[in-house]
Amino acid sequence: MFDIYVHTVTQNYLRFDGRMSRAEFWWFALCNFLIILAIVLLAGLLTGGLQSHSLLGSIFMIVYGIYVLVMLLPSLGAEVRRLHDTGLSGWLVLLNLIPYLGGLIVLILLAMPAKPDGTKYGAYHDSAAS
């Protein structure tokens, strides 16, 4: 799981072409979620809750913000490559900009199985899992 995450972040950082398998995408998403959860839980435990206005709480908020900004492009690239694997255009990731409904639609599209017409977007890039 962590190998897929590291591979996506380091070697496919700005890659929006090609495809990404469903399993590879969801392992990446799970690892990303667990890291965010760990940052938030550590902030809550070490600062006495999210209502605390301590220096340590501010540091954790800065770390959280930096992590989210750094992961923006790899996450978008992973979503685009996953949409390519389902035979859809990567531009559908822009549906995330529609409040509430857009994110749900993209989530459903990301969960769809691969389709043979996804090959028009290229081959799978070497995965750390294979």
C-alpha atoms as a PDB file:
ATOM      1  CA  MET A   1       0.000   0.000   0.000  1.00  0.00           C
ATOM      2  CA  PHE A   2       2.683   2.480   1.002  1.00  0.00           C
ATOM      3  CA  ASP A   3       4.771   1.566  -2.070  1.00  0.00           C
ATOM      4  CA  ILE A   4       1.915   2.597  -4.366  1.00  0.00           C
ATOM      5  CA  TYR A   5       1.548   5.876  -2.471  1.00  0.00           C
ATOM      6  CA  VAL A   6       5.262   6.674  -2.685  1.00  0.00           C
ATOM      7  CA  HIS A   7       5.387   5.722  -6.380  1.00  0.00           C
ATOM      8  CA  THR A   8       2.397   7.939  -7.203  1.00  0.00           C
ATOM      9  CA  VAL A   9       3.760  10.896  -5.262  1.00  0.00           C
ATOM     10  CA  THR A  10       7.386  10.692  -6.392  1.00  0.00           C
ATOM     11  CA  GLN A  11       7.359   9.308  -9.940  1.00  0.00           C
ATOM     12  CA  ASN A  12       3.876  10.256 -11.168  1.00  0.00           C
ATOM     13  CA  TYR A  13       3.707  13.651  -9.463  1.00  0.00           C
ATOM     14  CA  LEU A  14       2.714  15.639 -12.546  1.00  0.00           C
ATOM     15  CA  ARG A  15       1.530  12.811 -14.792  1.00  0.00           C
ATOM     16  CA  PHE A  16      -1.941  13.277 -16.223  1.00  0.00           C
ATOM     17  CA  ASP A  17      -1.571  10.846 -19.134  1.00  0.00           C
ATOM     18  CA  GLY A  18      -1.982   7.105 -19.117  1.00  0.00           C
ATOM     19  CA  ARG A  19      -4.125   5.007 -16.813  1.00  0.00           C
ATOM     20  CA  MET A  20      -4.249   3.908 -13.187  1.00  0.00           C
ATOM     21  CA  SER A  21      -5.888   0.659 -12.069  1.00  0.00           C
ATOM     22  CA  ARG A  22      -8.779   0.737  -9.646  1.00  0.00           C
ATOM     23  CA  ALA A  23      -6.830  -1.085  -6.919  1.00  0.00           C
ATOM     24  CA  GLU A  24      -3.810   1.185  -7.298  1.00  0.00           C
ATOM     25  CA  PHE A  25      -5.988   4.306  -7.070  1.00  0.00           C
ATOM     26  CA  TRP A  26      -7.882   3.192  -3.970  1.00  0.00           C
ATOM     27  CA  TRP A  27      -4.690   2.112  -2.169  1.00  0.00           C
ATOM     28  CA  PHE A  28      -3.253   5.553  -2.906  1.00  0.00           C
ATOM     29  CA  ALA A  29      -6.454   7.243  -1.656  1.00  0.00           C
ATOM     30  CA  LEU A  30      -6.509   5.134   1.514  1.00  0.00           C
ATOM     31  CA  CYS A  31      -2.888   5.932   2.336  1.00  0.00           C
ATOM     32  CA  ASN A  32      -3.502   9.636   1.700  1.00  0.00           C
ATOM     33  CA  PHE A  33      -6.568   9.549   3.975  1.00  0.00           C
ATOM     34  CA  LEU A  34      -4.649   7.761   6.741  1.00  0.00           C
ATOM     35  CA  ILE A  35      -1.880  10.370   6.668  1.00  0.00           C
ATOM     36  CA  ILE A  36      -4.411  13.210   6.925  1.00  0.00           C
ATOM     37  CA  LEU A  37      -6.196  11.368   9.752  1.00  0.00           C
ATOM     38  CA  ALA A  38      -2.895  10.925  11.603  1.00  0.00           C
ATOM     39  CA  ILE A  39      -2.101  14.652  11.320  1.00  0.00           C
ATOM     40  CA  VAL A  40      -5.543  15.623  12.615  1.00  0.00           C
ATOM     41  CA  LEU A  41      -5.488  13.084  15.459  1.00  0.00           C
ATOM     42  CA  LEU A  42      -2.000  14.119  16.540  1.00  0.00           C
ATOM     43  CA  ALA A  43      -3.087  17.745  16.507  1.00  0.00           C
ATOM     44  CA  GLY A  44      -6.107  16.920  18.636  1.00  0.00           C
ATOM     45  CA  LEU A  45      -4.175  14.796  21.107  1.00  0.00           C
ATOM     46  CA  LEU A  46      -1.210  17.104  21.535  1.00  0.00           C
ATOM     47  CA  THR A  47      -3.099  20.385  21.674  1.00  0.00           C
ATOM     48  CA  GLY A  48      -6.090  19.325  23.767  1.00  0.00           C
ATOM     49  CA  GLY A  49      -8.665  19.583  20.993  1.00  0.00           C
ATOM     50  CA  LEU A  50      -9.318  21.578  17.877  1.00  0.00           C
ATOM     51  CA  GLN A  51     -10.632  24.584  19.837  1.00  0.00           C
ATOM     52  CA  SER A  52      -7.213  25.214  21.367  1.00  0.00           C
ATOM     53  CA  HIS A  53      -5.397  28.278  20.064  1.00  0.00           C
ATOM     54  CA  SER A  54      -1.933  27.187  21.106  1.00  0.00           C
ATOM     55  CA  LEU A  55       1.283  27.510  19.153  1.00  0.00           C
ATOM     56  CA  LEU A  56       1.401  23.737  18.707  1.00  0.00           C
ATOM     57  CA  GLY A  57      -2.138  23.779  17.272  1.00  0.00           C
ATOM     58  CA  SER A  58      -1.087  26.455  14.795  1.00  0.00           C
ATOM     59  CA  ILE A  59       1.939  24.406  13.773  1.00  0.00           C
ATOM     60  CA  PHE A  60      -0.253  21.365  13.102  1.00  0.00           C
ATOM     61  CA  MET A  61      -2.646  23.476  11.033  1.00  0.00           C
ATOM     62  CA  ILE A  62       0.304  24.726   8.972  1.00  0.00           C
ATOM     63  CA  VAL A  63       1.573  21.140   8.506  1.00  0.00           C
ATOM     64  CA  TYR A  64      -1.924  20.047   7.463  1.00  0.00           C
ATOM     65  CA  GLY A  65      -2.227  22.933   4.996  1.00  0.00           C
ATOM     66  CA  ILE A  66       1.177  22.249   3.462  1.00  0.00           C
ATOM     67  CA  TYR A  67       0.392  18.533   3.118  1.00  0.00           C
ATOM     68  CA  VAL A  68      -2.923  19.237   1.378  1.00  0.00           C
ATOM     69  CA  LEU A  69      -1.261  21.703  -1.025  1.00  0.00           C
ATOM     70  CA  VAL A  70       1.612  19.329  -1.808  1.00  0.00           C
ATOM     71  CA  MET A  71      -0.822  16.461  -2.468  1.00  0.00           C
ATOM     72  CA  LEU A  72      -3.152  18.478  -4.703  1.00  0.00           C
ATOM     73  CA  LEU A  73      -1.381  17.721  -8.000  1.00  0.00           C
ATOM     74  CA  PRO A  74      -0.638  14.027  -7.320  1.00  0.00           C
ATOM     75  CA  SER A  75      -4.260  13.509  -6.264  1.00  0.00           C
ATOM     76  CA  LEU A  76      -5.621  15.254  -9.349  1.00  0.00           C
ATOM     77  CA  GLY A  77      -3.252  13.263 -11.553  1.00  0.00           C
ATOM     78  CA  ALA A  78      -4.357  10.011  -9.936  1.00  0.00           C
ATOM     79  CA  GLU A  79      -8.028  10.900 -10.457  1.00  0.00           C
ATOM     80  CA  VAL A  80      -7.437  11.809 -14.107  1.00  0.00           C
ATOM     81  CA  ARG A  81      -5.524   8.571 -14.781  1.00  0.00           C
ATOM     82  CA  ARG A  82      -8.250   6.570 -13.021  1.00  0.00           C
ATOM     83  CA  LEU A  83     -10.936   8.229 -15.159  1.00  0.00           C
ATOM     84  CA  HIS A  84      -8.869   7.366 -18.247  1.00  0.00           C
ATOM     85  CA  ASP A  85      -8.887   3.715 -17.144  1.00  0.00           C
ATOM     86  CA  THR A  86     -12.691   3.758 -17.130  1.00  0.00           C
ATOM     87  CA  GLY A  87     -12.679   5.100 -20.700  1.00  0.00           C
ATOM     88  CA  LEU A  88     -13.718   8.611 -19.655  1.00  0.00           C
ATOM     89  CA  SER A  89     -12.096  11.984 -20.209  1.00  0.00           C
ATOM     90  CA  GLY A  90      -9.907  13.326 -17.441  1.00  0.00           C
ATOM     91  CA  TRP A  91     -11.693  16.650 -17.731  1.00  0.00           C
ATOM     92  CA  LEU A  92     -14.570  15.100 -15.771  1.00  0.00           C
ATOM     93  CA  VAL A  93     -12.478  15.741 -12.666  1.00  0.00           C
ATOM     94  CA  LEU A  94     -13.744  19.330 -12.937  1.00  0.00           C
ATOM     95  CA  LEU A  95     -17.120  18.057 -11.749  1.00  0.00           C
ATOM     96  CA  ASN A  96     -15.559  18.254  -8.275  1.00  0.00           C
ATOM     97  CA  LEU A  97     -16.090  22.015  -8.507  1.00  0.00           C
ATOM     98  CA  ILE A  98     -19.868  21.535  -8.303  1.00  0.00           C
ATOM     99  CA  PRO A  99     -20.748  21.649  -4.601  1.00  0.00           C
ATOM    100  CA  TYR A 100     -21.920  18.365  -3.042  1.00  0.00           C
ATOM    101  CA  LEU A 101     -23.249  16.606  -6.149  1.00  0.00           C
ATOM    102  CA  GLY A 102     -20.076  16.960  -8.238  1.00  0.00           C
ATOM    103  CA  GLY A 103     -17.877  15.163  -5.730  1.00  0.00           C
ATOM    104  CA  LEU A 104     -20.395  12.343  -5.444  1.00  0.00           C
ATOM    105  CA  ILE A 105     -20.547  11.928  -9.235  1.00  0.00           C
ATOM    106  CA  VAL A 106     -16.732  11.816  -9.484  1.00  0.00           C
ATOM    107  CA  LEU A 107     -16.584   9.289  -6.630  1.00  0.00           C
ATOM    108  CA  ILE A 108     -19.001   7.005  -8.509  1.00  0.00           C
ATOM    109  CA  LEU A 109     -16.992   7.380 -11.733  1.00  0.00           C
ATOM    110  CA  LEU A 110     -13.743   6.548  -9.917  1.00  0.00           C
ATOM    111  CA  ALA A 111     -15.284   3.348  -8.540  1.00  0.00           C
ATOM    112  CA  MET A 112     -16.276   2.042 -11.989  1.00  0.00           C
ATOM    113  CA  PRO A 113     -14.371  -0.937 -13.405  1.00  0.00           C
ATOM    114  CA  ALA A 114     -11.824  -0.541 -16.189  1.00  0.00           C
ATOM    115  CA  LYS A 115     -13.128  -0.551 -19.739  1.00  0.00           C
ATOM    116  CA  PRO A 116     -11.364  -1.758 -22.887  1.00  0.00           C
ATOM    117  CA  ASP A 117     -11.792   1.636 -24.568  1.00  0.00           C
ATOM    118  CA  GLY A 118      -9.585   3.091 -21.815  1.00  0.00           C
ATOM    119  CA  THR A 119      -6.590   1.835 -23.794  1.00  0.00           C
ATOM    120  CA  LYS A 120      -6.888   4.880 -26.059  1.00  0.00           C
ATOM    121  CA  TYR A 121      -5.352   6.864 -23.181  1.00  0.00           C
ATOM    122  CA  GLY A 122      -2.267   4.654 -23.091  1.00  0.00           C
ATOM    123  CA  ALA A 123      -0.906   1.832 -21.025  1.00  0.00           C
ATOM    124  CA  TYR A 124      -0.641   1.537 -17.278  1.00  0.00           C
ATOM    125  CA  HIS A 125       2.520   3.184 -15.960  1.00  0.00           C
ATOM    126  CA  ASP A 126       4.871   0.959 -14.003  1.00  0.00           C
ATOM    127  CA  SER A 127       3.380   0.504 -10.641  1.00  0.00           C
ATOM    128  CA  ALA A 128       5.342  -0.200  -7.504  1.00  0.00           C
ATOM    129  CA  ALA A 129       2.856  -2.983  -6.805  1.00  0.00           C
ATOM    130  CA  SER A 130       3.720  -4.983  -9.906  1.00  0.00           C
END
